[in-house]
Amino acid sequence: MKVYVSELPSGNPPALLRGRFSAEHGTFALLIGAAEKVRGKRTRKTVSIPFFHCLGKNLGTVGSYTGQTSEFRSQIQHWFTAYDARHLTVFNGDVLFPATMQAVFEYAATVPEVTFVCEPGGYERTRAAVLAAGVTPEQLAWDDLLDRLPPVPDSEPLPEPAYGMEHLPTVDFLLFRHHARTLNEPQRFTAIDANYRAAYAAATTVEPNLDSIVAMLAEVTRTATDTAPIMVALRATQVALLTRGWLLNAHQDKAIGTLCSVRSPNPTDAHWRALHGYVRTPRVAGVALYLLDIAPDVINAVTIAEVERFLHDGHVRGRPLPDLARPLLKAHLAFRRGENARDGDPYLNQKGPRRHLEDLIDARRHLGIPIDARFLRGGSLTHTQRPIWRFGLELRDLT
């Protein structure tokens, strides 16, 4: 590892740095705030949170205890390896204590270049802090640091999806559309209402039985890449059926799971990017394999050697391996190799034979990816032959 210290130019340089840090280019920016400038044994725990943000992890999916758990902190190095990290820029380097410096070097052990950036005039103070951690840095001019980073991108950031589950009300289906209008801006509500009206129109003519209703909902949400449009279609169907004298009771989580389980995996770039928000590499790897069309009942049989072959050949059992999916597989491969796993050992190796199925359900709940572990489309029974409680749906005749 080569370690540098660089001074900021006078003035504010954010325009020079915008878009230069990304996992795709292997360049990362670490900002240590005031709360993380601590001494003693808590240093590694508190500094881990900025590292998770640096890697683009969504801590809302795992809770605030992430930094307190050694299992999560141990994943940091594997993610740097998976992203082929080549440069880490640490801002506020002039105010870090030696213990904080040591934690930075520990987490970034696989990164070949680390630069500590300080305010003008803070070079000697920053250099002394790095030396106190047992590392001798070199001085790096600001322009040379910019040369090590990719150029400012010309393209605009990708637009956000029209709406997600966080934009939908949690009220009863009779009030759903009204509250959706109240909670959202007109443009977003227009997108919600378009899906609502399409499902409502289809539900006014569907046969009033669960088998037909599930098939209809699957058809009207066939192009949905998020669970939110499925939820909108379900609420519209409940209203339409009520006008025809039928009450469709729906347990939200179970019903959405049912409607997702009858769909084939159809991953998009948005799904892969959402998976990058996870921290635990086993969870990421299991969901990634499913999205690559490996059936849930054979995911646990995938070996270390098979995954290495996937990465080498660029395809997974005949299916192309997207660039955004490669780090998801590489991260857990690095984790397993760190456990001294051999080529013939299982790739996932999670506790319990159904743990990967729970991860699939969590990906639907946390990230809005329309998948589910029950894999109903692979069974021989029709929907009406299955226990109603497994669907989260119940249909009653009110006439």
Protein backbone atom coordinates (compact mmCIF):
# COMPACT_ATOMS: atom_id res chain seq x y z
CA MET A 1 0.00 0.00 0.00
CA LYS A 2 1.23 3.48 -0.92
CA VAL A 3 0.12 6.28 1.40
CA TYR A 4 0.03 9.95 0.44
CA VAL A 5 -0.88 13.28 2.03
CA SER A 6 -2.36 16.02 -0.15
CA GLU A 7 -3.48 19.55 0.69
CA LEU A 8 -6.71 21.01 -0.65
CA PRO A 9 -6.29 24.09 -2.84
CA SER A 10 -7.62 27.34 -1.48
CA GLY A 11 -11.36 27.55 -1.89
CA ASN A 12 -13.96 24.80 -2.09
CA PRO A 13 -13.15 22.02 -4.62
CA PRO A 14 -16.39 19.96 -4.79
CA ALA A 15 -16.89 20.71 -8.49
CA LEU A 16 -13.51 19.11 -9.20
CA LEU A 17 -14.49 15.92 -7.36
CA ARG A 18 -18.11 15.43 -8.43
CA GLY A 19 -18.57 12.05 -10.10
CA ARG A 20 -14.92 11.01 -9.69
CA PHE A 21 -15.58 8.42 -6.99
CA SER A 22 -17.46 5.27 -7.97
CA ALA A 23 -17.26 1.53 -7.43
CA GLU A 24 -17.17 1.02 -11.20
CA HIS A 25 -13.84 2.89 -11.36
CA GLY A 26 -12.49 1.50 -8.09
CA THR A 27 -12.16 4.97 -6.53
CA PHE A 28 -13.69 5.71 -3.14
CA ALA A 29 -14.05 8.76 -0.88
CA LEU A 30 -14.06 8.38 2.91
CA LEU A 31 -15.27 11.27 5.06
CA ILE A 32 -14.53 10.98 8.77
CA GLY A 33 -16.91 13.25 10.67
CA ALA A 34 -16.62 14.71 14.14
CA ALA A 35 -18.54 11.82 15.73
CA GLU A 36 -15.93 9.30 14.51
CA LYS A 37 -12.88 11.21 15.81
CA VAL A 38 -12.60 9.18 18.99
CA ARG A 39 -9.89 7.40 20.92
CA GLY A 40 -9.72 3.92 22.37
CA LYS A 41 -11.36 0.60 21.56
CA ARG A 42 -14.52 2.10 19.99
CA THR A 43 -12.52 3.51 17.07
CA ARG A 44 -12.97 0.49 14.78
CA LYS A 45 -16.70 0.39 15.44
CA THR A 46 -17.38 4.07 14.82
CA VAL A 47 -15.12 4.36 11.77
CA SER A 48 -16.82 1.36 10.17
CA ILE A 49 -19.99 3.41 9.55
CA PRO A 50 -18.23 5.94 7.25
CA PHE A 51 -16.63 2.99 5.46
CA PHE A 52 -20.07 1.48 4.79
CA HIS A 53 -21.23 4.81 3.38
CA CYS A 54 -18.03 5.03 1.35
CA LEU A 55 -18.84 1.65 -0.23
CA GLY A 56 -22.41 2.71 -1.00
CA LYS A 57 -24.06 0.45 1.55
CA ASN A 58 -27.64 1.10 2.61
CA LEU A 59 -27.56 0.83 6.40
CA GLY A 60 -31.34 1.20 6.50
CA THR A 61 -31.60 -2.44 5.44
CA VAL A 62 -29.73 -3.80 8.47
CA GLY A 63 -30.24 -1.32 11.28
CA SER A 64 -28.01 0.90 13.36
CA TYR A 65 -26.24 -2.02 15.03
CA THR A 66 -24.22 -2.74 11.87
CA GLY A 67 -21.02 -1.08 13.10
CA GLN A 68 -21.28 -2.85 16.45
CA THR A 69 -21.16 -6.32 14.88
CA SER A 70 -17.78 -7.78 13.93
CA GLU A 71 -19.47 -9.94 11.25
CA PHE A 72 -20.46 -6.81 9.31
CA ARG A 73 -17.16 -4.99 9.87
CA SER A 74 -15.25 -7.98 8.51
CA GLN A 75 -17.05 -7.59 5.17
CA ILE A 76 -15.41 -4.23 4.37
CA GLN A 77 -12.17 -5.67 3.01
CA HIS A 78 -14.06 -8.18 0.86
CA TRP A 79 -16.09 -5.42 -0.76
CA PHE A 80 -12.95 -3.44 -1.59
CA THR A 81 -11.58 -6.61 -3.19
CA ALA A 82 -14.80 -7.22 -5.13
CA TYR A 83 -14.77 -3.68 -6.53
CA ASP A 84 -11.08 -3.92 -7.51
CA ALA A 85 -10.48 -0.80 -5.44
CA ARG A 86 -7.39 1.10 -6.55
CA HIS A 87 -7.60 4.39 -4.67
CA LEU A 88 -9.13 5.59 -1.40
CA THR A 89 -9.24 9.31 -0.61
CA VAL A 90 -9.69 10.12 3.09
CA PHE A 91 -10.93 13.62 3.84
CA ASN A 92 -10.37 15.42 7.17
CA GLY A 93 -7.06 13.58 7.44
CA ASP A 94 -5.56 16.38 9.52
CA VAL A 95 -7.85 15.73 12.49
CA LEU A 96 -7.58 11.94 12.81
CA PHE A 97 -6.11 10.34 15.91
CA PRO A 98 -3.49 7.57 15.51
CA ALA A 99 -6.00 4.89 16.53
CA THR A 100 -8.38 6.13 13.85
CA MET A 101 -5.55 6.01 11.31
CA GLN A 102 -4.82 2.40 12.25
CA ALA A 103 -8.49 1.49 11.77
CA VAL A 104 -8.44 3.09 8.31
CA PHE A 105 -5.38 1.07 7.32
CA GLU A 106 -6.97 -2.10 8.69
CA TYR A 107 -10.22 -1.75 6.73
CA ALA A 108 -8.45 -0.55 3.57
CA ALA A 109 -5.72 -3.19 3.68
CA THR A 110 -6.49 -4.41 0.15
CA VAL A 111 -6.51 -0.91 -1.42
CA PRO A 112 -3.17 -0.19 -3.16
CA GLU A 113 -3.29 3.62 -2.73
CA VAL A 114 -4.62 5.73 0.14
CA THR A 115 -4.47 9.53 0.18
CA PHE A 116 -5.22 11.63 3.26
CA VAL A 117 -6.54 15.06 2.25
CA CYS A 118 -6.13 17.97 4.63
CA GLU A 119 -6.93 21.66 4.70
CA PRO A 120 -4.37 24.20 3.38
CA GLY A 121 -1.48 24.39 5.81
CA GLY A 122 -2.33 21.09 7.50
CA TYR A 123 0.22 18.90 5.73
CA GLU A 124 2.69 18.55 8.60
CA ARG A 125 -0.05 17.85 11.14
CA THR A 126 -1.57 15.17 8.91
CA ARG A 127 1.81 13.63 8.14
CA ALA A 128 2.54 13.44 11.88
CA ALA A 129 -0.79 11.67 12.49
CA VAL A 130 0.00 9.10 9.80
CA LEU A 131 3.52 8.57 11.16
CA ALA A 132 2.06 8.00 14.63
CA ALA A 133 0.11 5.08 13.16
CA GLY A 134 3.37 3.48 12.01
CA VAL A 135 3.14 4.43 8.31
CA THR A 136 5.42 6.79 6.38
CA PRO A 137 3.47 8.83 3.78
CA GLU A 138 4.61 10.74 0.70
CA GLN A 139 3.48 14.21 -0.29
CA LEU A 140 1.11 14.32 -3.27
CA ALA A 141 0.22 17.48 -5.15
CA TRP A 142 -3.50 18.17 -5.55
CA ASP A 143 -3.28 18.06 -9.36
CA ASP A 144 -1.54 14.68 -9.17
CA LEU A 145 -4.36 13.38 -6.98
CA LEU A 146 -6.90 14.49 -9.61
CA ASP A 147 -4.88 12.66 -12.25
CA ARG A 148 -5.30 9.44 -10.27
CA LEU A 149 -9.09 9.80 -10.35
CA PRO A 150 -11.36 9.27 -13.38
CA PRO A 151 -12.47 12.40 -15.27
CA VAL A 152 -15.71 14.17 -14.44
CA PRO A 153 -18.49 12.19 -16.21
CA ASP A 154 -20.53 13.89 -18.90
CA SER A 155 -23.67 11.80 -18.42
CA GLU A 156 -26.47 12.80 -16.09
CA PRO A 157 -27.38 10.52 -13.16
CA LEU A 158 -30.03 7.89 -13.81
CA PRO A 159 -33.60 9.07 -13.03
CA GLU A 160 -35.23 7.64 -9.94
CA PRO A 161 -38.15 5.24 -10.37
CA ALA A 162 -41.60 6.83 -10.59
CA TYR A 163 -42.55 5.54 -7.16
CA GLY A 164 -41.69 2.90 -4.58
CA MET A 165 -43.30 1.27 -1.58
CA GLU A 166 -42.27 4.24 0.56
CA HIS A 167 -44.60 6.45 -1.50
CA LEU A 168 -47.67 4.29 -0.94
CA PRO A 169 -50.09 4.71 1.98
CA THR A 170 -50.62 1.90 4.47
CA VAL A 171 -54.36 2.46 4.87
CA ASP A 172 -57.30 0.20 4.01
CA PHE A 173 -57.95 -0.40 0.31
CA LEU A 174 -61.08 1.81 0.37
CA LEU A 175 -58.97 4.87 1.25
CA PHE A 176 -55.84 3.85 -0.65
CA ARG A 177 -56.25 5.96 -3.79
CA HIS A 178 -57.36 9.07 -1.87
CA HIS A 179 -54.37 8.92 0.48
CA ALA A 180 -52.00 8.23 -2.42
CA ARG A 181 -53.19 11.48 -4.02
CA THR A 182 -52.73 13.36 -0.74
CA LEU A 183 -49.24 12.03 0.01
CA ASN A 184 -47.63 12.41 -3.41
CA GLU A 185 -46.88 15.22 -5.81
CA PRO A 186 -49.08 15.30 -8.94
CA GLN A 187 -46.49 13.77 -11.29
CA ARG A 188 -45.88 10.80 -9.02
CA PHE A 189 -49.58 10.30 -8.33
CA THR A 190 -50.23 10.25 -12.09
CA ALA A 191 -47.90 7.24 -12.38
CA ILE A 192 -49.57 5.52 -9.42
CA ASP A 193 -53.05 6.21 -10.75
CA ALA A 194 -52.24 4.89 -14.22
CA ASN A 195 -51.34 1.50 -12.72
CA TYR A 196 -54.36 1.67 -10.42
CA ARG A 197 -56.80 2.29 -13.26
CA ALA A 198 -55.32 -0.48 -15.43
CA ALA A 199 -55.71 -3.04 -12.65
CA TYR A 200 -59.18 -1.78 -11.74
CA ALA A 201 -60.37 -2.18 -15.34
CA ALA A 202 -59.01 -5.73 -15.51
CA ALA A 203 -60.58 -6.65 -12.16
CA THR A 204 -64.07 -5.59 -13.27
CA THR A 205 -64.20 -8.54 -15.69
CA VAL A 206 -62.07 -11.22 -14.00
CA GLU A 207 -63.70 -14.45 -12.84
CA PRO A 208 -64.32 -14.16 -9.07
CA ASN A 209 -62.03 -16.99 -7.93
CA LEU A 210 -58.54 -16.89 -6.47
CA ASP A 211 -56.90 -18.73 -9.34
CA SER A 212 -58.19 -16.23 -11.92
CA ILE A 213 -57.48 -13.23 -9.70
CA VAL A 214 -53.83 -14.21 -9.11
CA ALA A 215 -53.38 -14.85 -12.85
CA MET A 216 -54.93 -11.47 -13.68
CA LEU A 217 -52.73 -9.63 -11.21
CA ALA A 218 -49.67 -11.41 -12.57
CA GLU A 219 -50.60 -10.29 -16.09
CA VAL A 220 -51.28 -6.61 -15.33
CA THR A 221 -48.01 -6.34 -13.36
CA ARG A 222 -45.96 -8.41 -15.80
CA THR A 223 -43.60 -5.53 -16.63
CA ALA A 224 -43.25 -4.24 -13.05
CA THR A 225 -39.66 -4.06 -11.82
CA ASP A 226 -40.64 -3.13 -8.26
CA THR A 227 -43.13 -4.41 -5.70
CA ALA A 228 -44.90 -1.02 -5.51
CA PRO A 229 -46.94 -1.40 -8.75
CA ILE A 230 -47.97 -4.87 -7.57
CA MET A 231 -49.27 -3.35 -4.34
CA VAL A 232 -51.21 -0.70 -6.28
CA ALA A 233 -52.77 -3.38 -8.51
CA LEU A 234 -53.78 -5.42 -5.47
CA ARG A 235 -55.56 -2.47 -3.83
CA ALA A 236 -57.35 -1.56 -7.07
CA THR A 237 -58.49 -5.17 -7.48
CA GLN A 238 -59.94 -5.19 -3.97
CA VAL A 239 -62.02 -2.08 -4.75
CA ALA A 240 -63.21 -3.43 -8.11
CA LEU A 241 -64.26 -6.76 -6.61
CA LEU A 242 -66.13 -5.02 -3.80
CA THR A 243 -68.26 -3.16 -6.35
CA ARG A 244 -69.19 -6.59 -7.75
CA GLY A 245 -70.19 -8.01 -4.35
CA TRP A 246 -66.93 -9.79 -3.49
CA LEU A 247 -64.59 -9.07 -0.57
CA LEU A 248 -60.92 -9.84 -1.19
CA ASN A 249 -59.08 -9.93 2.12
CA ALA A 250 -55.33 -9.54 1.67
CA HIS A 251 -52.47 -9.86 4.13
CA GLN A 252 -50.10 -7.32 2.59
CA ASP A 253 -46.78 -9.12 3.00
CA LYS A 254 -48.06 -12.63 2.22
CA ALA A 255 -50.11 -11.46 -0.74
CA ILE A 256 -47.22 -9.52 -2.30
CA GLY A 257 -45.02 -12.56 -1.73
CA THR A 258 -47.51 -14.75 -3.56
CA LEU A 259 -47.78 -12.38 -6.51
CA CYS A 260 -43.99 -12.17 -6.74
CA SER A 261 -43.49 -15.93 -6.50
CA VAL A 262 -45.40 -16.58 -9.72
CA ARG A 263 -42.95 -14.39 -11.68
CA SER A 264 -39.71 -15.48 -13.29
CA PRO A 265 -36.60 -13.51 -12.21
CA ASN A 266 -36.24 -10.52 -14.53
CA PRO A 267 -33.37 -8.48 -13.09
CA THR A 268 -32.71 -4.91 -14.16
CA ASP A 269 -29.81 -2.57 -13.49
CA ALA A 270 -31.89 -1.06 -10.68
CA HIS A 271 -32.10 -4.47 -8.98
CA TRP A 272 -28.35 -5.03 -9.16
CA ARG A 273 -27.68 -1.53 -7.82
CA ALA A 274 -30.12 -2.14 -4.96
CA LEU A 275 -28.28 -5.34 -4.03
CA HIS A 276 -25.04 -3.37 -3.76
CA GLY A 277 -26.64 -1.67 -0.75
CA TYR A 278 -26.42 -4.86 1.32
CA VAL A 279 -23.44 -5.47 3.62
CA ARG A 280 -23.45 -9.22 4.31
CA THR A 281 -21.89 -11.00 1.34
CA PRO A 282 -23.78 -14.33 1.82
CA ARG A 283 -27.13 -12.52 1.52
CA VAL A 284 -25.96 -10.67 -1.59
CA ALA A 285 -24.60 -13.82 -3.22
CA GLY A 286 -27.73 -15.92 -2.72
CA VAL A 287 -30.05 -13.27 -4.14
CA ALA A 288 -27.67 -12.64 -7.06
CA LEU A 289 -27.63 -16.33 -7.99
CA TYR A 290 -31.43 -16.43 -7.95
CA LEU A 291 -31.66 -13.36 -10.18
CA LEU A 292 -29.25 -15.12 -12.53
CA ASP A 293 -31.96 -17.80 -12.90
CA ILE A 294 -30.55 -20.47 -10.61
CA ALA A 295 -33.51 -22.15 -8.92
CA PRO A 296 -33.78 -21.84 -5.12
CA ASP A 297 -33.63 -25.60 -4.59
CA VAL A 298 -30.18 -25.85 -6.22
CA ILE A 299 -28.56 -22.62 -5.02
CA ASN A 300 -26.96 -24.38 -2.05
CA ALA A 301 -25.35 -26.90 -4.41
CA VAL A 302 -23.34 -24.23 -6.28
CA THR A 303 -19.61 -24.63 -5.52
CA ILE A 304 -16.67 -22.27 -5.22
CA ALA A 305 -15.21 -23.56 -8.48
CA GLU A 306 -18.49 -22.95 -10.34
CA VAL A 307 -18.65 -19.30 -9.27
CA GLU A 308 -15.03 -18.76 -10.30
CA ARG A 309 -15.94 -20.22 -13.67
CA PHE A 310 -18.95 -17.90 -13.91
CA LEU A 311 -16.68 -14.90 -13.33
CA HIS A 312 -14.04 -16.16 -15.77
CA ASP A 313 -16.43 -17.07 -18.59
CA GLY A 314 -18.77 -14.11 -18.18
CA HIS A 315 -21.96 -16.16 -18.12
CA VAL A 316 -23.94 -18.25 -15.63
CA ARG A 317 -25.18 -21.51 -17.14
CA GLY A 318 -25.80 -19.87 -20.47
CA ARG A 319 -27.06 -16.55 -19.07
CA PRO A 320 -24.82 -13.46 -19.54
CA LEU A 321 -23.29 -12.14 -16.32
CA PRO A 322 -23.98 -8.36 -16.10
CA ASP A 323 -21.10 -6.12 -15.08
CA LEU A 324 -23.12 -4.86 -12.10
CA ALA A 325 -23.54 -8.44 -10.86
CA ARG A 326 -19.85 -9.39 -10.97
CA PRO A 327 -18.84 -7.62 -7.69
CA LEU A 328 -21.82 -9.22 -5.93
CA LEU A 329 -20.41 -12.67 -6.65
CA LYS A 330 -16.78 -11.64 -6.13
CA ALA A 331 -17.40 -10.21 -2.66
CA HIS A 332 -18.63 -13.50 -1.21
CA LEU A 333 -16.01 -15.44 -3.15
CA ALA A 334 -13.34 -13.37 -1.39
CA PHE A 335 -15.11 -14.04 1.92
CA ARG A 336 -15.16 -17.81 1.33
CA ARG A 337 -11.54 -17.87 0.19
CA GLY A 338 -10.71 -16.03 3.41
CA GLU A 339 -12.26 -18.98 5.24
CA ASN A 340 -9.89 -21.30 3.30
CA ALA A 341 -12.76 -22.86 1.35
CA ARG A 342 -11.74 -25.27 -1.42
CA ASP A 343 -12.98 -25.50 -4.99
CA GLY A 344 -15.51 -28.24 -4.24
CA ASP A 345 -16.94 -26.56 -1.13
CA PRO A 346 -20.39 -24.90 -1.27
CA TYR A 347 -20.33 -21.26 -2.29
CA LEU A 348 -22.95 -20.04 0.19
CA ASN A 349 -22.40 -22.33 3.19
CA GLN A 350 -25.03 -20.58 5.31
CA LYS A 351 -26.46 -21.89 8.54
CA GLY A 352 -29.58 -23.93 7.84
CA PRO A 353 -30.77 -25.31 4.50
CA ARG A 354 -33.41 -22.58 4.06
CA ARG A 355 -31.42 -19.49 5.05
CA HIS A 356 -30.99 -18.42 1.41
CA LEU A 357 -34.79 -18.56 0.99
CA GLU A 358 -35.20 -16.10 3.85
CA ASP A 359 -32.69 -13.81 2.13
CA LEU A 360 -34.84 -13.79 -1.01
CA ILE A 361 -37.89 -12.74 0.99
CA ASP A 362 -35.86 -10.03 2.74
CA ALA A 363 -34.69 -8.67 -0.63
CA ARG A 364 -38.32 -8.19 -1.59
CA ARG A 365 -39.15 -6.47 1.70
CA HIS A 366 -36.01 -4.32 1.99
CA LEU A 367 -35.22 -3.48 -1.62
CA GLY A 368 -38.55 -3.85 -3.42
CA ILE A 369 -37.21 -6.53 -5.79
CA PRO A 370 -40.25 -8.55 -6.99
CA ILE A 371 -39.00 -12.02 -6.04
CA ASP A 372 -40.04 -14.58 -3.45
CA ALA A 373 -38.64 -17.84 -2.15
CA ARG A 374 -41.81 -19.90 -2.34
CA PHE A 375 -41.30 -20.49 -6.05
CA LEU A 376 -44.95 -21.39 -6.64
CA ARG A 377 -44.54 -21.36 -10.41
CA GLY A 378 -42.47 -24.54 -10.13
CA GLY A 379 -45.15 -26.57 -8.34
CA SER A 380 -47.76 -28.89 -9.79
CA LEU A 381 -50.73 -27.63 -7.77
CA THR A 382 -52.98 -24.87 -9.03
CA HIS A 383 -53.58 -21.83 -6.86
CA THR A 384 -57.02 -22.98 -5.77
CA GLN A 385 -55.59 -26.31 -4.55
CA ARG A 386 -53.15 -24.64 -2.18
CA PRO A 387 -53.95 -23.57 1.40
CA ILE A 388 -55.40 -20.07 1.41
CA TRP A 389 -53.20 -18.92 4.29
CA ARG A 390 -50.10 -19.45 2.17
CA PHE A 391 -51.31 -16.86 -0.28
CA GLY A 392 -52.40 -14.18 2.14
CA LEU A 393 -55.60 -13.90 0.08
CA GLU A 394 -59.17 -14.84 0.92
CA LEU A 395 -62.24 -14.24 -1.26
CA ARG A 396 -65.76 -13.98 0.17
CA ASP A 397 -69.12 -13.65 -1.56
CA LEU A 398 -71.10 -10.76 0.00
CA THR A 399 -74.32 -11.39 -1.94
